[in-house]
Amino acid sequence: MKKRSMAALTATLVIAPLMTAAPGQRAQAAAPGPDGAARPAESALVHGVDLDTVTIPELQARMNRGALSSTALTRAYLRRIETVDPKLNAVLHTSPTALRQAAASDLRHRLGRTRGPLDGIPVLLKDNVDTRDMPTTAGSLALTGSAPDTDADLVKRLRAAGAVILGKANMSEWANFRAARPTSGWSAVGGQTNNPYVLDRNPCGSSSGSAAALAASLAQVAIGTETDGSIVCPAGMNGVVGHKPSLGLVSQSGIVPISAEQDTAGPMARNVIDTALTLAVLSGHDTVRDDGRRDATDALTRPGGLRGKRIGLWRLPSLGPEVDALMTRTAARLRTAGAEVVEVRMPYQERLAELEFPALLSEFHRDIDAYLATRHGPRDLAELIEFNRTHPGERTCFAGQELFEQALAAPPTTAPEYRAMRAELTDLSRRSIDETMAAHRLDAIASPTNPPAWTTDCARGDNDVIPSSTPAAVAGYPSLSVPAGAVGELPVGLLLMAGDRQDAELLALGAAVERRLDAWRAPRYLPTLPDTAR
């Protein structure tokens, strides 16, 4: 028997629960808000397809039978960007070749030569992912002079899979690694990205534009990047799905770095199946069986995926009583579906918090110097600091660049004190997850991804002490945020963590959790809330 690819495995584990969802589930997801207010006037329908809820397999089925074209789908997303994005400021650029890419996909569909599930699917890229035909700035004016010479490795994979590179998404400048009190979603290049649910609330960072664009149905999938929390927090706060892969599963080549020891790109989408299929392409494991079919059909007769699963709940009451109450309700729903949910405490967290930031400072200095040497503009961190001092546009929201300055003075990564820090970080973060899972015989650890979104305030900066992402981020283990519900209008995610290279198993569990919680709902673009104190 041949070893199955990750794509086949994730499809096998994920497709069944989604395809067997109750008929009313999708209609419920698209219903008006709890106070009866209507959804925005901008239609998310194209050729009878609701962009808010459609999945990649459903789109491919329509394209294969000629009921939908990639060109029509791409035009629909471009129109939504024109009409909806002015509220959000989530998309920096759209590709001038997007419609040509879509037309090429339509030809492949007509000839029966499609390249896989992402063929013809519009994808947004975070603006720290190199593209040869569009600017890549990490939100900084320092990198606006010219485009990179070549695509990032993951972009090459997306193009080879037939995906339509739709454009670039705004982000927290330098992935939130510039100032001590940054404002997530703000960059000098793109301005401030807004949360689609309540526009004066923050989208979290640093993959802010990717998450906000998905919540508003401005693309089918998006690519984010994470060092610690930058995929999963925006996903949770914008009510979408975000997967931080195991370290090394997706190439770091051609991505503006913070730390090679923690950085990874990952997929974001409105549902788990699209996330899983995109990961298969990003990781290079998107092959099919010799007969051209993915190993999914054998899973269609299986019952739901939560019965007998053991999940450890790490509550994090510091995120507030409303989030804690939501976790209580979430645990009850998972138990009703047959899962065993036990409460756990994660060891070593205080020590991880002490060590992570100093280690990242040393790694950032090393890695950003190496990246800047490949680009036109400042050639190293010292020149970048000087650029910010002399360009007022870099200080229109917050002025500081304390992290840059601290990184410049940090010990080099060859220093014994740095090496000791990183070794201890790796050991304790992995033990934190491994020991907890072993002690309780768990399939995954769950925690709240985020608090309700805070108001965006350049003078104050972020209010984002969110510890849930750190264990998996530092360990290099996978994590996945799926919508868990909301506190009033503001989404909250459920973060799932598992052991190294357990990405497929985590996505399968996430699909079962997603189906059970059925928590997604479309944003209503409210300008504010009556209580804006937080």
Protein backbone atom coordinates (compact mmCIF):
# COMPACT_ATOMS: atom_id res chain seq x y z
CA MET A 1 0.00 0.00 0.00
CA LYS A 2 1.40 3.40 -0.99
CA LYS A 3 2.03 6.04 1.63
CA ARG A 4 -0.58 8.78 1.35
CA SER A 5 0.43 12.42 0.92
CA MET A 6 -0.45 15.07 3.49
CA ALA A 7 -3.04 16.46 1.08
CA ALA A 8 -4.73 13.07 0.79
CA LEU A 9 -4.62 12.58 4.53
CA THR A 10 -6.00 16.00 5.35
CA ALA A 11 -8.71 15.59 2.72
CA THR A 12 -9.63 12.16 4.12
CA LEU A 13 -9.87 13.45 7.64
CA VAL A 14 -11.48 16.82 6.92
CA ILE A 15 -13.91 16.53 4.00
CA ALA A 16 -16.36 14.06 5.56
CA PRO A 17 -17.55 16.16 8.50
CA LEU A 18 -17.98 19.21 6.30
CA MET A 19 -19.84 17.47 3.49
CA THR A 20 -22.24 15.83 5.93
CA ALA A 21 -23.22 19.09 7.62
CA ALA A 22 -26.92 19.60 8.15
CA PRO A 23 -28.66 21.39 5.26
CA GLY A 24 -29.64 24.31 7.47
CA GLN A 25 -26.12 24.92 8.71
CA ARG A 26 -24.98 27.17 5.86
CA ALA A 27 -28.19 29.16 5.81
CA GLN A 28 -27.81 29.78 9.51
CA ALA A 29 -24.25 31.04 9.03
CA ALA A 30 -25.46 33.64 6.57
CA ALA A 31 -28.38 34.83 8.70
CA PRO A 32 -28.75 38.39 10.04
CA GLY A 33 -27.16 39.36 13.33
CA PRO A 34 -28.78 38.75 16.72
CA ASP A 35 -30.56 42.10 16.76
CA GLY A 36 -32.10 41.43 13.35
CA ALA A 37 -29.99 43.97 11.49
CA ALA A 38 -29.50 43.20 7.82
CA ARG A 39 -26.20 42.26 6.27
CA PRO A 40 -24.42 44.90 4.16
CA ALA A 41 -25.90 45.76 0.78
CA GLU A 42 -22.81 44.54 -1.12
CA SER A 43 -23.79 41.11 -2.42
CA ALA A 44 -21.58 38.11 -1.70
CA LEU A 45 -23.42 36.10 -4.37
CA VAL A 46 -21.87 35.21 -7.72
CA HIS A 47 -23.62 32.83 -10.15
CA GLY A 48 -25.74 31.57 -7.26
CA VAL A 49 -22.69 30.94 -5.05
CA ASP A 50 -22.55 32.54 -1.59
CA LEU A 51 -18.91 33.59 -1.24
CA ASP A 52 -19.32 33.84 2.52
CA THR A 53 -19.88 30.10 2.93
CA VAL A 54 -18.72 28.27 -0.20
CA THR A 55 -15.76 25.88 0.10
CA ILE A 56 -13.01 25.09 -2.39
CA PRO A 57 -14.39 21.60 -3.16
CA GLU A 58 -17.78 23.16 -3.92
CA LEU A 59 -16.17 25.77 -6.19
CA GLN A 60 -14.16 23.11 -8.02
CA ALA A 61 -17.28 20.99 -8.55
CA ARG A 62 -19.00 23.96 -10.18
CA MET A 63 -15.98 24.84 -12.31
CA ASN A 64 -15.55 21.23 -13.45
CA ARG A 65 -19.13 21.08 -14.73
CA GLY A 66 -18.96 24.53 -16.33
CA ALA A 67 -21.38 26.24 -13.93
CA LEU A 68 -18.75 28.71 -12.75
CA SER A 69 -15.47 30.02 -14.14
CA SER A 70 -12.38 31.19 -12.32
CA THR A 71 -12.69 34.43 -14.27
CA ALA A 72 -16.18 35.07 -12.87
CA LEU A 73 -15.02 34.13 -9.37
CA THR A 74 -11.96 36.38 -9.59
CA ARG A 75 -14.04 39.29 -10.94
CA ALA A 76 -16.46 38.86 -8.06
CA TYR A 77 -13.67 39.11 -5.50
CA LEU A 78 -12.14 42.12 -7.27
CA ARG A 79 -15.53 43.85 -7.22
CA ARG A 80 -15.91 43.14 -3.52
CA ILE A 81 -12.47 44.57 -2.86
CA GLU A 82 -13.55 47.75 -4.69
CA THR A 83 -16.83 48.10 -2.81
CA VAL A 84 -16.16 46.64 0.64
CA ASP A 85 -12.46 47.21 1.31
CA PRO A 86 -12.76 51.01 1.70
CA LYS A 87 -14.39 50.20 5.06
CA LEU A 88 -11.52 47.94 6.08
CA ASN A 89 -8.25 48.97 4.44
CA ALA A 90 -7.27 45.30 4.32
CA VAL A 91 -5.97 44.99 0.72
CA LEU A 92 -2.90 46.94 -0.41
CA HIS A 93 -2.66 45.87 -4.04
CA THR A 94 -4.53 43.70 -6.50
CA SER A 95 -2.51 41.85 -9.09
CA PRO A 96 -2.62 43.30 -12.62
CA THR A 97 -2.47 39.74 -13.94
CA ALA A 98 -5.22 38.23 -11.78
CA LEU A 99 -7.75 37.93 -14.60
CA ARG A 100 -5.13 36.48 -16.95
CA GLN A 101 -4.28 33.88 -14.33
CA ALA A 102 -7.98 33.07 -14.01
CA ALA A 103 -8.41 32.73 -17.78
CA ALA A 104 -5.51 30.28 -17.91
CA SER A 105 -7.20 28.22 -15.19
CA ASP A 106 -10.49 28.25 -17.12
CA LEU A 107 -8.69 26.80 -20.13
CA ARG A 108 -7.19 24.04 -17.98
CA HIS A 109 -10.64 23.23 -16.60
CA ARG A 110 -12.08 23.00 -20.12
CA LEU A 111 -9.25 20.72 -21.25
CA GLY A 112 -9.45 18.53 -18.14
CA ARG A 113 -5.89 19.45 -17.14
CA THR A 114 -6.43 21.07 -13.75
CA ARG A 115 -3.55 21.10 -11.31
CA GLY A 116 -5.42 20.32 -8.12
CA PRO A 117 -7.95 21.84 -5.73
CA LEU A 118 -6.46 25.35 -5.74
CA ASP A 119 -6.55 25.71 -9.54
CA GLY A 120 -8.45 28.93 -10.26
CA ILE A 121 -8.93 29.82 -6.58
CA PRO A 122 -8.17 33.48 -5.67
CA VAL A 123 -5.56 33.83 -2.89
CA LEU A 124 -4.38 36.95 -1.04
CA LEU A 125 -0.81 37.14 0.27
CA LYS A 126 0.37 38.99 3.35
CA ASP A 127 2.67 41.81 2.27
CA ASN A 128 5.78 40.25 3.79
CA VAL A 129 5.71 37.40 1.24
CA ASP A 130 7.92 38.16 -1.78
CA THR A 131 6.27 38.50 -5.19
CA ARG A 132 8.16 39.36 -8.35
CA ASP A 133 5.23 41.24 -9.93
CA MET A 134 3.96 43.27 -6.95
CA PRO A 135 5.64 45.28 -4.17
CA THR A 136 6.59 43.47 -0.97
CA THR A 137 7.07 46.01 1.81
CA ALA A 138 6.27 44.45 5.20
CA GLY A 139 4.26 47.68 5.53
CA SER A 140 7.38 49.84 5.53
CA LEU A 141 8.17 52.78 3.27
CA ALA A 142 11.77 51.55 3.29
CA LEU A 143 10.89 48.68 0.92
CA THR A 144 8.62 50.51 -1.52
CA GLY A 145 11.33 51.22 -4.10
CA SER A 146 11.08 48.02 -6.14
CA ALA A 147 9.62 44.54 -6.15
CA PRO A 148 11.73 41.53 -5.14
CA ASP A 149 13.64 39.75 -7.90
CA THR A 150 11.79 36.47 -7.43
CA ASP A 151 8.75 34.91 -5.77
CA ALA A 152 8.90 33.36 -2.33
CA ASP A 153 9.01 29.57 -2.46
CA LEU A 154 5.42 29.31 -1.24
CA VAL A 155 4.25 31.66 -4.03
CA LYS A 156 5.97 29.43 -6.57
CA ARG A 157 4.03 26.50 -5.13
CA LEU A 158 0.74 28.39 -5.32
CA ARG A 159 1.36 29.39 -8.94
CA ALA A 160 2.33 25.82 -9.85
CA ALA A 161 -0.93 24.63 -8.28
CA GLY A 162 -2.89 27.03 -10.50
CA ALA A 163 -4.00 29.41 -7.75
CA VAL A 164 -4.87 32.97 -8.76
CA ILE A 165 -2.61 35.35 -6.84
CA LEU A 166 -5.21 38.04 -6.24
CA GLY A 167 -3.12 40.64 -4.43
CA LYS A 168 -1.34 41.66 -1.24
CA ALA A 169 -2.90 42.24 2.18
CA ASN A 170 -2.03 44.96 4.66
CA MET A 171 -0.27 43.93 7.85
CA SER A 172 1.14 45.24 11.10
CA GLU A 173 4.35 46.91 9.96
CA TRP A 174 7.44 44.67 10.31
CA ALA A 175 5.07 42.01 11.71
CA ASN A 176 4.64 44.01 14.94
CA PHE A 177 8.38 43.86 15.66
CA ARG A 178 9.31 47.54 15.63
CA ALA A 179 7.80 49.44 18.58
CA ALA A 180 7.27 48.55 22.22
CA ARG A 181 3.61 49.67 21.99
CA PRO A 182 2.55 49.07 18.38
CA THR A 183 -0.95 49.30 16.97
CA SER A 184 -1.86 46.06 15.22
CA GLY A 185 -3.07 46.41 11.65
CA TRP A 186 -1.24 49.70 11.05
CA SER A 187 1.53 50.17 8.53
CA ALA A 188 3.06 53.27 7.00
CA VAL A 189 2.31 51.84 3.55
CA GLY A 190 -1.28 50.76 4.12
CA GLY A 191 -2.61 52.73 7.07
CA GLN A 192 -4.93 51.09 9.60
CA THR A 193 -6.85 47.88 8.92
CA ASN A 194 -10.22 47.74 10.67
CA ASN A 195 -12.08 44.81 12.17
CA PRO A 196 -15.06 43.99 9.88
CA TYR A 197 -17.34 43.17 12.81
CA VAL A 198 -16.94 46.55 14.50
CA LEU A 199 -14.89 49.02 12.52
CA ASP A 200 -13.31 50.92 15.42
CA ARG A 201 -12.07 47.64 16.92
CA ASN A 202 -8.68 46.14 16.22
CA PRO A 203 -8.09 43.18 13.86
CA CYS A 204 -5.07 41.91 15.87
CA GLY A 205 -1.78 41.29 14.14
CA SER A 206 0.32 40.92 12.32
CA SER A 207 -1.67 39.08 9.61
CA SER A 208 -4.35 41.71 10.06
CA GLY A 209 -5.27 42.35 6.44
CA SER A 210 -5.32 38.65 5.59
CA ALA A 211 -7.84 37.91 8.35
CA ALA A 212 -10.02 40.99 7.86
CA ALA A 213 -10.18 40.37 4.10
CA LEU A 214 -11.32 36.80 4.65
CA ALA A 215 -13.98 37.84 7.14
CA ALA A 216 -15.33 40.25 4.52
CA SER A 217 -15.13 37.63 1.73
CA LEU A 218 -12.54 39.52 -0.32
CA ALA A 219 -10.69 36.30 -1.26
CA GLN A 220 -11.27 32.58 -0.90
CA VAL A 221 -8.10 31.96 1.11
CA ALA A 222 -5.19 34.06 2.36
CA ILE A 223 -1.65 33.50 3.50
CA GLY A 224 -0.48 34.78 6.87
CA THR A 225 2.78 34.46 8.77
CA GLU A 226 3.47 33.91 12.45
CA THR A 227 6.34 34.17 14.89
CA ASP A 228 4.06 34.09 17.94
CA GLY A 229 0.32 34.66 17.47
CA SER A 230 0.36 36.53 14.16
CA ILE A 231 -1.81 33.98 12.31
CA VAL A 232 -4.03 32.67 15.07
CA CYS A 233 -4.85 35.93 16.88
CA PRO A 234 -6.09 37.75 13.74
CA ALA A 235 -8.00 34.62 12.77
CA GLY A 236 -9.72 34.49 16.14
CA MET A 237 -10.45 38.20 16.33
CA ASN A 238 -11.89 38.29 12.79
CA GLY A 239 -13.92 35.11 13.10
CA VAL A 240 -12.02 32.99 10.56
CA VAL A 241 -9.76 29.92 10.58
CA GLY A 242 -5.97 30.19 10.81
CA HIS A 243 -3.38 27.42 10.92
CA LYS A 244 0.19 27.90 12.14
CA PRO A 245 2.01 24.88 10.70
CA SER A 246 4.78 22.89 12.31
CA LEU A 247 8.08 24.72 11.92
CA GLY A 248 9.75 23.79 8.64
CA LEU A 249 6.65 22.38 6.98
CA VAL A 250 6.37 25.53 4.84
CA SER A 251 9.48 27.14 3.37
CA GLN A 252 10.65 30.40 4.95
CA SER A 253 12.49 31.44 1.78
CA GLY A 254 11.37 34.83 0.46
CA ILE A 255 9.49 35.95 3.58
CA VAL A 256 10.49 39.06 5.54
CA PRO A 257 11.77 37.49 8.78
CA ILE A 258 11.75 37.93 12.51
CA SER A 259 13.24 34.61 13.57
CA ALA A 260 14.13 31.48 11.63
CA GLU A 261 13.64 29.56 14.88
CA GLN A 262 9.92 30.43 15.02
CA ASP A 263 8.73 32.02 11.74
CA THR A 264 6.31 30.18 9.51
CA ALA A 265 3.77 31.07 6.87
CA GLY A 266 0.40 29.38 7.05
CA PRO A 267 -3.06 29.24 5.48
CA MET A 268 -6.12 31.22 6.57
CA ALA A 269 -9.68 30.70 5.32
CA ARG A 270 -13.32 30.85 6.35
CA ASN A 271 -13.45 27.09 6.95
CA VAL A 272 -11.11 24.27 7.88
CA ILE A 273 -11.27 22.33 4.62
CA ASP A 274 -9.98 25.31 2.58
CA THR A 275 -7.26 25.76 5.18
CA ALA A 276 -6.21 22.11 4.93
CA LEU A 277 -6.17 22.05 1.14
CA THR A 278 -4.08 25.23 1.04
CA LEU A 279 -1.59 23.83 3.55
CA ALA A 280 -1.10 20.80 1.31
CA VAL A 281 0.02 23.12 -1.51
CA LEU A 282 2.17 25.35 0.71
CA SER A 283 3.98 22.36 2.15
CA GLY A 284 4.51 20.66 -1.21
CA HIS A 285 2.42 17.63 -0.27
CA ASP A 286 -0.43 18.18 -2.73
CA THR A 287 0.04 15.03 -4.80
CA VAL A 288 -2.80 12.73 -5.76
CA ARG A 289 -3.09 8.97 -6.14
CA ASP A 290 -2.17 7.24 -9.37
CA ASP A 291 -5.83 7.12 -10.43
CA GLY A 292 -6.11 10.90 -9.91
CA ARG A 293 -8.50 10.72 -6.94
CA ARG A 294 -7.84 11.97 -3.44
CA ASP A 295 -8.41 9.53 -0.62
CA ALA A 296 -11.55 11.21 0.67
CA THR A 297 -14.46 9.03 -0.37
CA ASP A 298 -13.71 6.31 2.16
CA ALA A 299 -14.26 8.83 4.96
CA LEU A 300 -17.76 9.86 3.87
CA THR A 301 -19.43 7.03 5.77
CA ARG A 302 -17.59 7.65 9.03
CA PRO A 303 -19.48 9.18 11.94
CA GLY A 304 -18.48 12.57 13.34
CA GLY A 305 -14.94 13.04 14.54
CA LEU A 306 -15.24 14.05 18.22
CA ARG A 307 -16.45 10.87 19.92
CA GLY A 308 -13.70 9.49 22.13
CA LYS A 309 -11.32 12.42 21.55
CA ARG A 310 -9.60 13.77 24.64
CA ILE A 311 -9.10 17.54 24.71
CA GLY A 312 -7.33 19.47 27.45
CA LEU A 313 -8.88 22.87 28.19
CA TRP A 314 -6.39 25.58 29.22
CA ARG A 315 -8.83 28.25 30.37
CA LEU A 316 -6.74 31.46 30.61
CA PRO A 317 -9.16 33.43 32.82
CA SER A 318 -6.92 36.49 32.36
CA LEU A 319 -8.73 37.03 29.04
CA GLY A 320 -11.86 37.99 30.96
CA PRO A 321 -15.02 36.45 32.43
CA GLU A 322 -16.98 36.63 29.18
CA VAL A 323 -14.34 34.63 27.32
CA ASP A 324 -14.13 32.16 30.21
CA ALA A 325 -17.90 31.68 30.11
CA LEU A 326 -17.67 31.06 26.36
CA MET A 327 -15.03 28.38 27.02
CA THR A 328 -17.37 26.72 29.52
CA ARG A 329 -20.14 26.61 26.91
CA THR A 330 -17.68 25.37 24.28
CA ALA A 331 -16.49 22.53 26.51
CA ALA A 332 -20.11 21.53 27.18
CA ARG A 333 -20.87 21.37 23.45
CA LEU A 334 -17.79 19.28 22.75
CA ARG A 335 -18.71 16.89 25.56
CA THR A 336 -22.22 16.55 24.14
CA ALA A 337 -20.62 15.48 20.84
CA GLY A 338 -18.72 12.71 22.61
CA ALA A 339 -15.38 14.34 23.39
CA GLU A 340 -13.77 14.09 26.81
CA VAL A 341 -12.72 17.56 27.96
CA VAL A 342 -10.43 17.85 30.96
CA GLU A 343 -9.00 21.03 32.42
CA VAL A 344 -5.22 21.40 32.29
CA ARG A 345 -2.50 23.82 33.31
CA MET A 346 0.45 24.42 31.03
CA PRO A 347 3.80 24.35 32.87
CA TYR A 348 6.83 26.60 32.34
CA GLN A 349 4.87 29.57 30.94
CA GLU A 350 6.47 32.21 33.14
CA ARG A 351 9.95 31.11 32.12
CA LEU A 352 9.00 31.06 28.44
CA ALA A 353 7.77 34.64 28.77
CA GLU A 354 11.08 35.68 30.32
CA LEU A 355 13.24 34.10 27.61
CA GLU A 356 11.36 34.47 24.32
CA PHE A 357 11.71 38.19 23.69
CA PRO A 358 15.49 38.44 24.34
CA ALA A 359 16.09 35.48 22.03
CA LEU A 360 13.95 37.01 19.29
CA LEU A 361 15.94 40.25 19.44
CA SER A 362 19.17 38.43 18.58
CA GLU A 363 17.51 36.37 15.86
CA PHE A 364 15.82 39.38 14.29
CA HIS A 365 19.12 41.25 13.95
CA ARG A 366 20.69 38.26 12.21
CA ASP A 367 17.75 37.46 9.95
CA ILE A 368 16.64 40.96 8.95
CA ASP A 369 20.20 41.87 7.98
CA ALA A 370 20.31 38.81 5.71
CA TYR A 371 16.95 39.69 4.12
CA LEU A 372 17.68 43.39 3.59
CA ALA A 373 20.86 42.46 1.74
CA THR A 374 18.62 40.95 -0.97
CA ARG A 375 16.51 44.11 -1.45
CA HIS A 376 16.92 47.68 -2.66
CA GLY A 377 16.78 50.18 0.22
CA PRO A 378 18.35 50.00 3.67
CA ARG A 379 21.03 47.31 3.62
CA ASP A 380 20.92 46.35 7.29
CA LEU A 381 19.13 47.06 10.56
CA ALA A 382 21.26 50.10 11.38
CA GLU A 383 20.31 51.74 8.07
CA LEU A 384 16.66 50.81 8.61
CA ILE A 385 16.66 52.56 12.00
CA GLU A 386 18.12 55.66 10.38
CA PHE A 387 15.51 55.52 7.59
CA ASN A 388 12.69 55.59 10.15
CA ARG A 389 14.27 58.54 11.95
CA THR A 390 14.32 60.60 8.77
CA HIS A 391 10.91 59.70 7.27
CA PRO A 392 7.92 61.27 9.08
CA GLY A 393 5.52 58.90 7.29
CA GLU A 394 6.84 56.13 9.52
CA ARG A 395 5.57 57.93 12.62
CA THR A 396 1.97 58.83 11.73
CA CYS A 397 0.45 56.29 14.13
CA PHE A 398 3.18 55.42 16.64
CA ALA A 399 6.70 56.81 16.67
CA GLY A 400 8.72 54.18 18.45
CA GLN A 401 11.22 51.70 17.08
CA GLU A 402 12.47 50.46 20.42
CA LEU A 403 12.60 46.82 19.33
CA PHE A 404 14.82 47.69 16.38
CA GLU A 405 17.17 49.54 18.69
CA GLN A 406 17.22 46.74 21.25
CA ALA A 407 17.85 44.18 18.52
CA LEU A 408 20.79 46.19 17.23
CA ALA A 409 22.38 46.00 20.70
CA ALA A 410 21.40 42.37 21.42
CA PRO A 411 24.01 39.60 21.73
CA PRO A 412 24.78 37.91 18.42
CA THR A 413 23.36 34.44 17.83
CA THR A 414 26.89 33.07 18.18
CA ALA A 415 27.05 34.23 21.82
CA PRO A 416 26.85 31.54 24.52
CA GLU A 417 24.16 33.43 26.45
CA TYR A 418 21.92 33.52 23.37
CA ARG A 419 22.48 29.83 22.63
CA ALA A 420 21.58 28.94 26.21
CA MET A 421 18.35 30.98 25.97
CA ARG A 422 17.20 29.35 22.75
CA ALA A 423 18.07 25.85 23.96
CA GLU A 424 16.05 26.38 27.14
CA LEU A 425 13.16 27.90 25.19
CA THR A 426 13.00 24.93 22.83
CA ASP A 427 13.21 22.42 25.65
CA LEU A 428 10.61 24.02 27.93
CA SER A 429 8.10 24.86 25.21
CA ARG A 430 8.14 21.32 23.84
CA ARG A 431 7.95 19.82 27.31
CA SER A 432 5.03 22.11 28.13
CA ILE A 433 2.95 20.57 25.35
CA ASP A 434 4.39 17.04 25.34
CA GLU A 435 4.11 16.54 29.10
CA THR A 436 0.59 17.95 29.27
CA MET A 437 -0.62 15.77 26.43
CA ALA A 438 1.04 12.66 27.82
CA ALA A 439 -0.15 13.20 31.40
CA HIS A 440 -3.79 13.49 30.31
CA ARG A 441 -3.61 11.22 27.22
CA LEU A 442 -4.81 14.08 25.02
CA ASP A 443 -5.45 14.40 21.30
CA ALA A 444 -5.07 18.18 21.55
CA ILE A 445 -4.91 21.11 23.95
CA ALA A 446 -7.54 23.85 23.58
CA SER A 447 -7.58 27.42 24.84
CA PRO A 448 -9.20 30.73 23.92
CA THR A 449 -7.36 32.29 20.98
CA ASN A 450 -8.13 35.92 21.81
CA PRO A 451 -10.10 38.33 23.95
CA PRO A 452 -12.83 40.45 22.34
CA ALA A 453 -11.23 43.00 20.02
CA TRP A 454 -10.06 46.16 21.75
CA THR A 455 -10.59 49.63 20.30
CA THR A 456 -7.85 50.75 17.95
CA ASP A 457 -5.86 53.58 19.51
CA CYS A 458 -2.51 54.78 18.15
CA ALA A 459 -1.71 56.69 21.33
CA ARG A 460 -2.27 53.70 23.61
CA GLY A 461 -1.16 50.87 21.32
CA ASP A 462 -2.36 47.30 21.58
CA ASN A 463 -3.99 45.69 24.59
CA ASP A 464 -2.83 42.21 23.63
CA VAL A 465 -1.23 40.15 26.39
CA ILE A 466 -2.47 36.85 24.94
CA PRO A 467 -0.42 33.85 26.14
CA SER A 468 -2.26 31.04 24.34
CA SER A 469 -0.18 31.09 21.15
CA THR A 470 3.24 30.96 22.83
CA PRO A 471 3.73 27.25 23.66
CA ALA A 472 3.18 26.04 20.07
CA ALA A 473 4.92 29.05 18.54
CA VAL A 474 8.12 28.61 20.53
CA ALA A 475 8.09 24.81 20.27
CA GLY A 476 7.54 24.89 16.51
CA TYR A 477 4.42 22.74 16.94
CA PRO A 478 1.17 23.27 15.00
CA SER A 479 -1.77 25.33 16.22
CA LEU A 480 -5.17 26.03 14.71
CA SER A 481 -7.78 28.67 15.54
CA VAL A 482 -11.43 27.99 14.67
CA PRO A 483 -14.40 30.25 15.48
CA ALA A 484 -15.81 29.46 18.93
CA GLY A 485 -18.47 32.13 19.23
CA ALA A 486 -18.62 35.78 20.14
CA VAL A 487 -18.79 38.19 23.03
CA GLY A 488 -21.58 40.40 21.77
CA GLU A 489 -20.56 41.33 18.23
CA LEU A 490 -16.88 40.42 18.65
CA PRO A 491 -15.61 36.97 17.59
CA VAL A 492 -13.52 34.71 19.81
CA GLY A 493 -11.57 31.72 18.52
CA LEU A 494 -10.77 28.34 20.02
CA LEU A 495 -7.06 27.55 19.72
CA LEU A 496 -6.09 23.89 19.28
CA MET A 497 -2.50 22.71 19.76
CA ALA A 498 -0.87 19.32 19.19
CA GLY A 499 2.55 17.70 18.91
CA ASP A 500 5.19 18.17 16.23
CA ARG A 501 4.06 17.38 12.65
CA GLN A 502 0.54 16.50 13.82
CA ASP A 503 -0.87 19.09 11.43
CA ALA A 504 -3.18 16.71 9.57
CA GLU A 505 -4.59 15.26 12.77
CA LEU A 506 -5.09 18.75 14.20
CA LEU A 507 -6.91 19.91 11.07
CA ALA A 508 -9.15 16.86 11.20
CA LEU A 509 -10.02 17.56 14.82
CA GLY A 510 -10.52 21.22 13.96
CA ALA A 511 -13.01 20.29 11.24
CA ALA A 512 -15.01 18.25 13.73
CA VAL A 513 -14.91 21.09 16.28
CA GLU A 514 -15.91 23.59 13.59
CA ARG A 515 -18.90 21.50 12.59
CA ARG A 516 -20.03 21.03 16.17
CA LEU A 517 -19.68 24.66 17.24
CA ASP A 518 -21.08 26.11 13.98
CA ALA A 519 -19.96 29.51 15.26
CA TRP A 520 -19.17 31.46 12.09
CA ARG A 521 -21.36 34.40 11.12
CA ALA A 522 -20.91 37.17 8.59
CA PRO A 523 -19.68 40.57 9.81
CA ARG A 524 -22.03 43.55 9.81
CA TYR A 525 -19.44 46.38 9.63
CA LEU A 526 -20.85 48.24 12.64
CA PRO A 527 -19.09 51.61 13.07
CA THR A 528 -18.77 51.21 16.85
CA LEU A 529 -20.40 49.67 19.93
CA PRO A 530 -22.18 51.53 22.74
CA ASP A 531 -19.43 50.50 25.17
CA THR A 532 -16.07 51.52 23.70
CA ALA A 533 -14.18 51.61 26.98
CA ARG A 534 -11.93 48.64 26.12
